[in-house]
Amino acid sequence: KNVNSPVAGSRTDVRVYPYAEIAANVKTSQINWDSTAQSPWYSYVDSASKQLRIVHFENTRSLGVKHDFINQKNLQGVGIWALGYDGKRTDLLQLLADKYAY
């Protein structure tokens, strides 16, 4: 890895964004797909630091894959961190209802 890469940097280089903010940024970014993690990501150049930033996130496609795996393996549930960080978007909450409603 390049030691100047934000991925190789200190923990202070890591940021957490609400899903609503990521969803807004997705509209103007090229979305890539990580086939190993089964999740999307995009990159941008930080205007202040001029560093390349990489944003990994979940969406209905990636979470659908993970929820299907949980159901196929008959696991007992799913843990979610910070439910409600989706602003006024309801697609992730609706996905939970769709995948786990009996």
N, C-alpha and C. Protein backbone atom coordinates (compact mmCIF):
# COMPACT_ATOMS: atom_id res chain seq x y z
N LYS A 1 0.83 -1.19 0.00
CA LYS A 1 0.00 0.00 0.00
C LYS A 1 0.87 1.25 0.00
N ASN A 2 0.36 2.27 -0.61
CA ASN A 2 1.02 3.57 -0.60
C ASN A 2 0.81 4.19 0.78
N VAL A 3 1.89 4.55 1.46
CA VAL A 3 1.76 5.09 2.82
C VAL A 3 1.06 6.44 2.82
N ASN A 4 0.95 7.10 1.68
CA ASN A 4 0.24 8.38 1.60
C ASN A 4 -1.25 8.18 1.34
N SER A 5 -1.65 6.94 1.16
CA SER A 5 -3.06 6.63 0.91
C SER A 5 -3.88 6.84 2.17
N PRO A 6 -5.09 7.40 2.03
CA PRO A 6 -5.94 7.53 3.22
C PRO A 6 -6.31 6.19 3.83
N VAL A 7 -6.26 5.12 3.04
CA VAL A 7 -6.57 3.79 3.56
C VAL A 7 -5.48 3.35 4.53
N ALA A 8 -4.24 3.75 4.28
CA ALA A 8 -3.12 3.35 5.12
C ALA A 8 -2.88 4.35 6.25
N GLY A 9 -3.68 5.41 6.32
CA GLY A 9 -3.46 6.47 7.29
C GLY A 9 -3.93 6.09 8.69
N SER A 10 -3.91 7.06 9.55
CA SER A 10 -4.32 6.84 10.93
C SER A 10 -5.84 6.80 11.03
N ARG A 11 -6.33 6.40 12.19
CA ARG A 11 -7.77 6.31 12.41
C ARG A 11 -8.44 7.68 12.28
N THR A 12 -7.68 8.75 12.40
CA THR A 12 -8.28 10.08 12.25
C THR A 12 -8.70 10.34 10.81
N ASP A 13 -8.21 9.52 9.87
CA ASP A 13 -8.60 9.67 8.47
C ASP A 13 -9.95 9.04 8.18
N VAL A 14 -10.50 8.29 9.12
CA VAL A 14 -11.75 7.57 8.92
C VAL A 14 -12.91 8.47 9.32
N ARG A 15 -13.93 8.50 8.47
CA ARG A 15 -15.12 9.29 8.77
C ARG A 15 -16.35 8.41 8.60
N VAL A 16 -17.39 8.74 9.33
CA VAL A 16 -18.66 8.04 9.21
C VAL A 16 -19.69 9.04 8.71
N TYR A 17 -20.39 8.68 7.63
CA TYR A 17 -21.40 9.55 7.06
C TYR A 17 -22.77 8.89 7.19
N PRO A 18 -23.80 9.67 7.45
CA PRO A 18 -25.16 9.11 7.45
C PRO A 18 -25.52 8.61 6.06
N TYR A 19 -26.35 7.58 6.01
CA TYR A 19 -26.77 6.99 4.74
C TYR A 19 -27.40 8.03 3.83
N ALA A 20 -28.17 8.94 4.39
CA ALA A 20 -28.82 9.97 3.58
C ALA A 20 -27.79 10.82 2.84
N GLU A 21 -26.68 11.13 3.48
CA GLU A 21 -25.62 11.92 2.84
C GLU A 21 -24.93 11.11 1.75
N ILE A 22 -24.65 9.85 2.03
CA ILE A 22 -24.04 8.99 1.02
C ILE A 22 -24.97 8.83 -0.17
N ALA A 23 -26.25 8.62 0.09
CA ALA A 23 -27.22 8.46 -0.99
C ALA A 23 -27.26 9.71 -1.87
N ALA A 24 -27.12 10.88 -1.28
CA ALA A 24 -27.08 12.12 -2.06
C ALA A 24 -25.81 12.18 -2.90
N ASN A 25 -24.67 11.77 -2.34
CA ASN A 25 -23.40 11.79 -3.07
C ASN A 25 -23.37 10.78 -4.20
N VAL A 26 -24.08 9.69 -4.03
CA VAL A 26 -24.11 8.62 -5.04
C VAL A 26 -24.66 9.14 -6.36
N LYS A 27 -25.54 10.12 -6.30
CA LYS A 27 -26.16 10.65 -7.52
C LYS A 27 -25.15 11.30 -8.44
N THR A 28 -24.02 11.77 -7.90
CA THR A 28 -23.02 12.45 -8.72
C THR A 28 -21.70 11.70 -8.80
N SER A 29 -21.67 10.47 -8.34
CA SER A 29 -20.43 9.68 -8.32
C SER A 29 -20.61 8.41 -9.13
N GLN A 30 -19.51 7.92 -9.66
CA GLN A 30 -19.54 6.61 -10.32
C GLN A 30 -19.44 5.54 -9.24
N ILE A 31 -20.42 4.66 -9.21
CA ILE A 31 -20.46 3.61 -8.20
C ILE A 31 -19.75 2.37 -8.73
N ASN A 32 -18.89 1.81 -7.90
CA ASN A 32 -18.17 0.58 -8.22
C ASN A 32 -18.71 -0.52 -7.32
N TRP A 33 -18.47 -1.78 -7.70
CA TRP A 33 -18.95 -2.92 -6.94
C TRP A 33 -17.79 -3.79 -6.52
N ASP A 34 -17.66 -4.03 -5.22
CA ASP A 34 -16.64 -4.93 -4.68
C ASP A 34 -17.26 -6.32 -4.63
N SER A 35 -16.83 -7.20 -5.52
CA SER A 35 -17.45 -8.52 -5.62
C SER A 35 -17.09 -9.42 -4.44
N THR A 36 -15.99 -9.16 -3.77
CA THR A 36 -15.64 -9.96 -2.59
C THR A 36 -16.52 -9.58 -1.40
N ALA A 37 -16.63 -8.30 -1.13
CA ALA A 37 -17.44 -7.83 0.00
C ALA A 37 -18.92 -7.75 -0.36
N GLN A 38 -19.23 -7.85 -1.64
CA GLN A 38 -20.61 -7.71 -2.12
C GLN A 38 -21.19 -6.37 -1.65
N SER A 39 -20.43 -5.30 -1.89
CA SER A 39 -20.89 -3.97 -1.49
C SER A 39 -20.36 -2.91 -2.45
N PRO A 40 -21.07 -1.79 -2.54
CA PRO A 40 -20.66 -0.71 -3.43
C PRO A 40 -19.65 0.22 -2.77
N TRP A 41 -18.96 0.98 -3.63
CA TRP A 41 -18.04 2.00 -3.14
C TRP A 41 -17.85 3.06 -4.23
N TYR A 42 -17.42 4.23 -3.81
CA TYR A 42 -17.05 5.27 -4.77
C TYR A 42 -15.86 6.04 -4.22
N SER A 43 -15.24 6.81 -5.06
CA SER A 43 -14.08 7.59 -4.62
C SER A 43 -14.25 9.04 -5.06
N TYR A 44 -13.54 9.91 -4.38
CA TYR A 44 -13.53 11.33 -4.72
C TYR A 44 -12.24 11.94 -4.19
N VAL A 45 -11.92 13.10 -4.68
CA VAL A 45 -10.75 13.82 -4.19
C VAL A 45 -11.25 14.87 -3.20
N ASP A 46 -10.76 14.80 -1.97
CA ASP A 46 -11.13 15.74 -0.92
C ASP A 46 -10.64 17.13 -1.33
N SER A 47 -11.55 18.09 -1.38
CA SER A 47 -11.18 19.43 -1.85
C SER A 47 -10.22 20.14 -0.90
N ALA A 48 -10.29 19.85 0.39
CA ALA A 48 -9.41 20.51 1.35
C ALA A 48 -8.01 19.90 1.36
N SER A 49 -7.94 18.57 1.46
CA SER A 49 -6.64 17.91 1.59
C SER A 49 -6.05 17.48 0.26
N LYS A 50 -6.88 17.48 -0.79
CA LYS A 50 -6.46 17.02 -2.12
C LYS A 50 -6.12 15.53 -2.15
N GLN A 51 -6.57 14.78 -1.15
CA GLN A 51 -6.33 13.34 -1.09
C GLN A 51 -7.50 12.58 -1.69
N LEU A 52 -7.17 11.43 -2.26
CA LEU A 52 -8.20 10.54 -2.75
C LEU A 52 -8.89 9.89 -1.56
N ARG A 53 -10.19 9.93 -1.54
CA ARG A 53 -10.98 9.30 -0.48
C ARG A 53 -11.82 8.19 -1.09
N ILE A 54 -11.98 7.11 -0.36
CA ILE A 54 -12.78 5.98 -0.82
C ILE A 54 -13.90 5.77 0.18
N VAL A 55 -15.12 5.68 -0.32
CA VAL A 55 -16.30 5.52 0.53
C VAL A 55 -16.92 4.16 0.26
N HIS A 56 -16.88 3.29 1.26
CA HIS A 56 -17.55 1.99 1.20
C HIS A 56 -18.87 2.15 1.92
N PHE A 57 -19.93 1.61 1.37
CA PHE A 57 -21.24 1.78 1.99
C PHE A 57 -22.13 0.60 1.64
N GLU A 58 -23.24 0.53 2.30
CA GLU A 58 -24.24 -0.50 2.02
C GLU A 58 -25.43 0.17 1.34
N ASN A 59 -26.13 -0.60 0.53
CA ASN A 59 -27.37 -0.14 -0.08
C ASN A 59 -28.33 -1.32 -0.11
N THR A 60 -29.47 -1.16 -0.74
CA THR A 60 -30.45 -2.25 -0.73
C THR A 60 -29.92 -3.48 -1.46
N ARG A 61 -29.11 -3.30 -2.49
CA ARG A 61 -28.56 -4.46 -3.20
C ARG A 61 -27.60 -5.23 -2.30
N SER A 62 -26.65 -4.53 -1.69
CA SER A 62 -25.63 -5.22 -0.87
C SER A 62 -26.25 -5.80 0.40
N LEU A 63 -27.15 -5.06 1.03
CA LEU A 63 -27.79 -5.60 2.23
C LEU A 63 -28.73 -6.73 1.89
N GLY A 64 -29.35 -6.68 0.71
CA GLY A 64 -30.21 -7.78 0.28
C GLY A 64 -29.43 -9.07 0.18
N VAL A 65 -28.22 -9.01 -0.36
CA VAL A 65 -27.34 -10.19 -0.46
C VAL A 65 -27.04 -10.72 0.94
N LYS A 66 -26.73 -9.84 1.85
CA LYS A 66 -26.38 -10.25 3.22
C LYS A 66 -27.59 -10.80 3.97
N HIS A 67 -28.75 -10.16 3.80
CA HIS A 67 -29.96 -10.66 4.44
C HIS A 67 -30.37 -12.02 3.88
N ASP A 68 -30.20 -12.21 2.58
CA ASP A 68 -30.50 -13.51 1.98
C ASP A 68 -29.59 -14.60 2.57
N PHE A 69 -28.32 -14.28 2.76
CA PHE A 69 -27.38 -15.23 3.36
C PHE A 69 -27.83 -15.60 4.78
N ILE A 70 -28.23 -14.59 5.55
CA ILE A 70 -28.72 -14.82 6.92
C ILE A 70 -29.91 -15.77 6.89
N ASN A 71 -30.84 -15.52 5.99
CA ASN A 71 -32.03 -16.38 5.89
C ASN A 71 -31.69 -17.78 5.40
N GLN A 72 -30.78 -17.90 4.43
CA GLN A 72 -30.40 -19.22 3.91
C GLN A 72 -29.73 -20.07 4.98
N LYS A 73 -28.99 -19.44 5.86
CA LYS A 73 -28.26 -20.16 6.92
C LYS A 73 -29.09 -20.31 8.19
N ASN A 74 -30.34 -19.83 8.16
CA ASN A 74 -31.22 -19.88 9.33
C ASN A 74 -30.59 -19.25 10.57
N LEU A 75 -29.88 -18.15 10.36
CA LEU A 75 -29.30 -17.43 11.49
C LEU A 75 -30.43 -16.73 12.25
N GLN A 76 -30.19 -16.40 13.47
CA GLN A 76 -31.25 -15.91 14.35
C GLN A 76 -31.52 -14.42 14.27
N GLY A 77 -30.83 -13.69 13.43
CA GLY A 77 -31.13 -12.26 13.33
C GLY A 77 -30.00 -11.48 12.72
N VAL A 78 -30.14 -10.19 12.81
CA VAL A 78 -29.18 -9.27 12.23
C VAL A 78 -28.97 -8.12 13.21
N GLY A 79 -27.75 -7.64 13.31
CA GLY A 79 -27.45 -6.48 14.14
C GLY A 79 -27.24 -5.28 13.24
N ILE A 80 -27.78 -4.16 13.64
CA ILE A 80 -27.66 -2.95 12.84
C ILE A 80 -27.19 -1.83 13.73
N TRP A 81 -26.19 -1.12 13.25
CA TRP A 81 -25.64 0.00 13.99
C TRP A 81 -26.29 1.28 13.48
N ALA A 82 -26.80 2.06 14.37
CA ALA A 82 -27.31 3.41 14.08
C ALA A 82 -28.46 3.41 13.07
N LEU A 83 -29.41 2.53 13.27
CA LEU A 83 -30.63 2.58 12.46
C LEU A 83 -31.25 3.96 12.66
N GLY A 84 -31.62 4.60 11.59
CA GLY A 84 -32.15 5.95 11.69
C GLY A 84 -31.21 6.99 11.10
N TYR A 85 -30.01 6.57 10.69
CA TYR A 85 -29.09 7.47 10.03
C TYR A 85 -29.44 7.65 8.56
N ASP A 86 -30.63 7.23 8.20
CA ASP A 86 -31.03 7.26 6.79
C ASP A 86 -31.81 8.50 6.43
N GLY A 87 -31.88 9.48 7.33
CA GLY A 87 -32.61 10.70 7.04
C GLY A 87 -34.06 10.38 6.77
N LYS A 88 -34.58 10.87 5.70
CA LYS A 88 -35.97 10.61 5.33
C LYS A 88 -36.10 9.45 4.36
N ARG A 89 -35.00 8.79 4.07
CA ARG A 89 -35.04 7.63 3.17
C ARG A 89 -35.55 6.42 3.93
N THR A 90 -36.40 5.64 3.31
CA THR A 90 -36.98 4.48 3.99
C THR A 90 -36.61 3.16 3.31
N ASP A 91 -35.76 3.20 2.28
CA ASP A 91 -35.48 1.99 1.51
C ASP A 91 -34.78 0.90 2.33
N LEU A 92 -33.88 1.27 3.25
CA LEU A 92 -33.20 0.25 4.05
C LEU A 92 -34.13 -0.35 5.09
N LEU A 93 -34.97 0.47 5.69
CA LEU A 93 -35.95 -0.03 6.65
C LEU A 93 -36.98 -0.91 5.96
N GLN A 94 -37.39 -0.54 4.76
CA GLN A 94 -38.33 -1.35 4.00
C GLN A 94 -37.71 -2.70 3.63
N LEU A 95 -36.41 -2.70 3.31
CA LEU A 95 -35.72 -3.95 2.99
C LEU A 95 -35.76 -4.89 4.19
N LEU A 96 -35.53 -4.36 5.40
CA LEU A 96 -35.62 -5.20 6.61
C LEU A 96 -37.01 -5.83 6.73
N ALA A 97 -38.03 -5.03 6.53
CA ALA A 97 -39.40 -5.53 6.62
C ALA A 97 -39.66 -6.60 5.56
N ASP A 98 -39.15 -6.36 4.36
CA ASP A 98 -39.35 -7.33 3.27
C ASP A 98 -38.63 -8.66 3.53
N LYS A 99 -37.43 -8.59 4.09
CA LYS A 99 -36.62 -9.80 4.28
C LYS A 99 -37.01 -10.60 5.53
N TYR A 100 -37.58 -9.93 6.54
CA TYR A 100 -37.82 -10.62 7.80
C TYR A 100 -39.28 -10.66 8.23
N ALA A 101 -40.17 -10.11 7.44
CA ALA A 101 -41.60 -10.18 7.79
C ALA A 101 -42.09 -11.61 7.56
N TYR A 102 -42.87 -12.10 8.49
CA TYR A 102 -43.38 -13.47 8.38
C TYR A 102 -44.85 -13.47 8.08
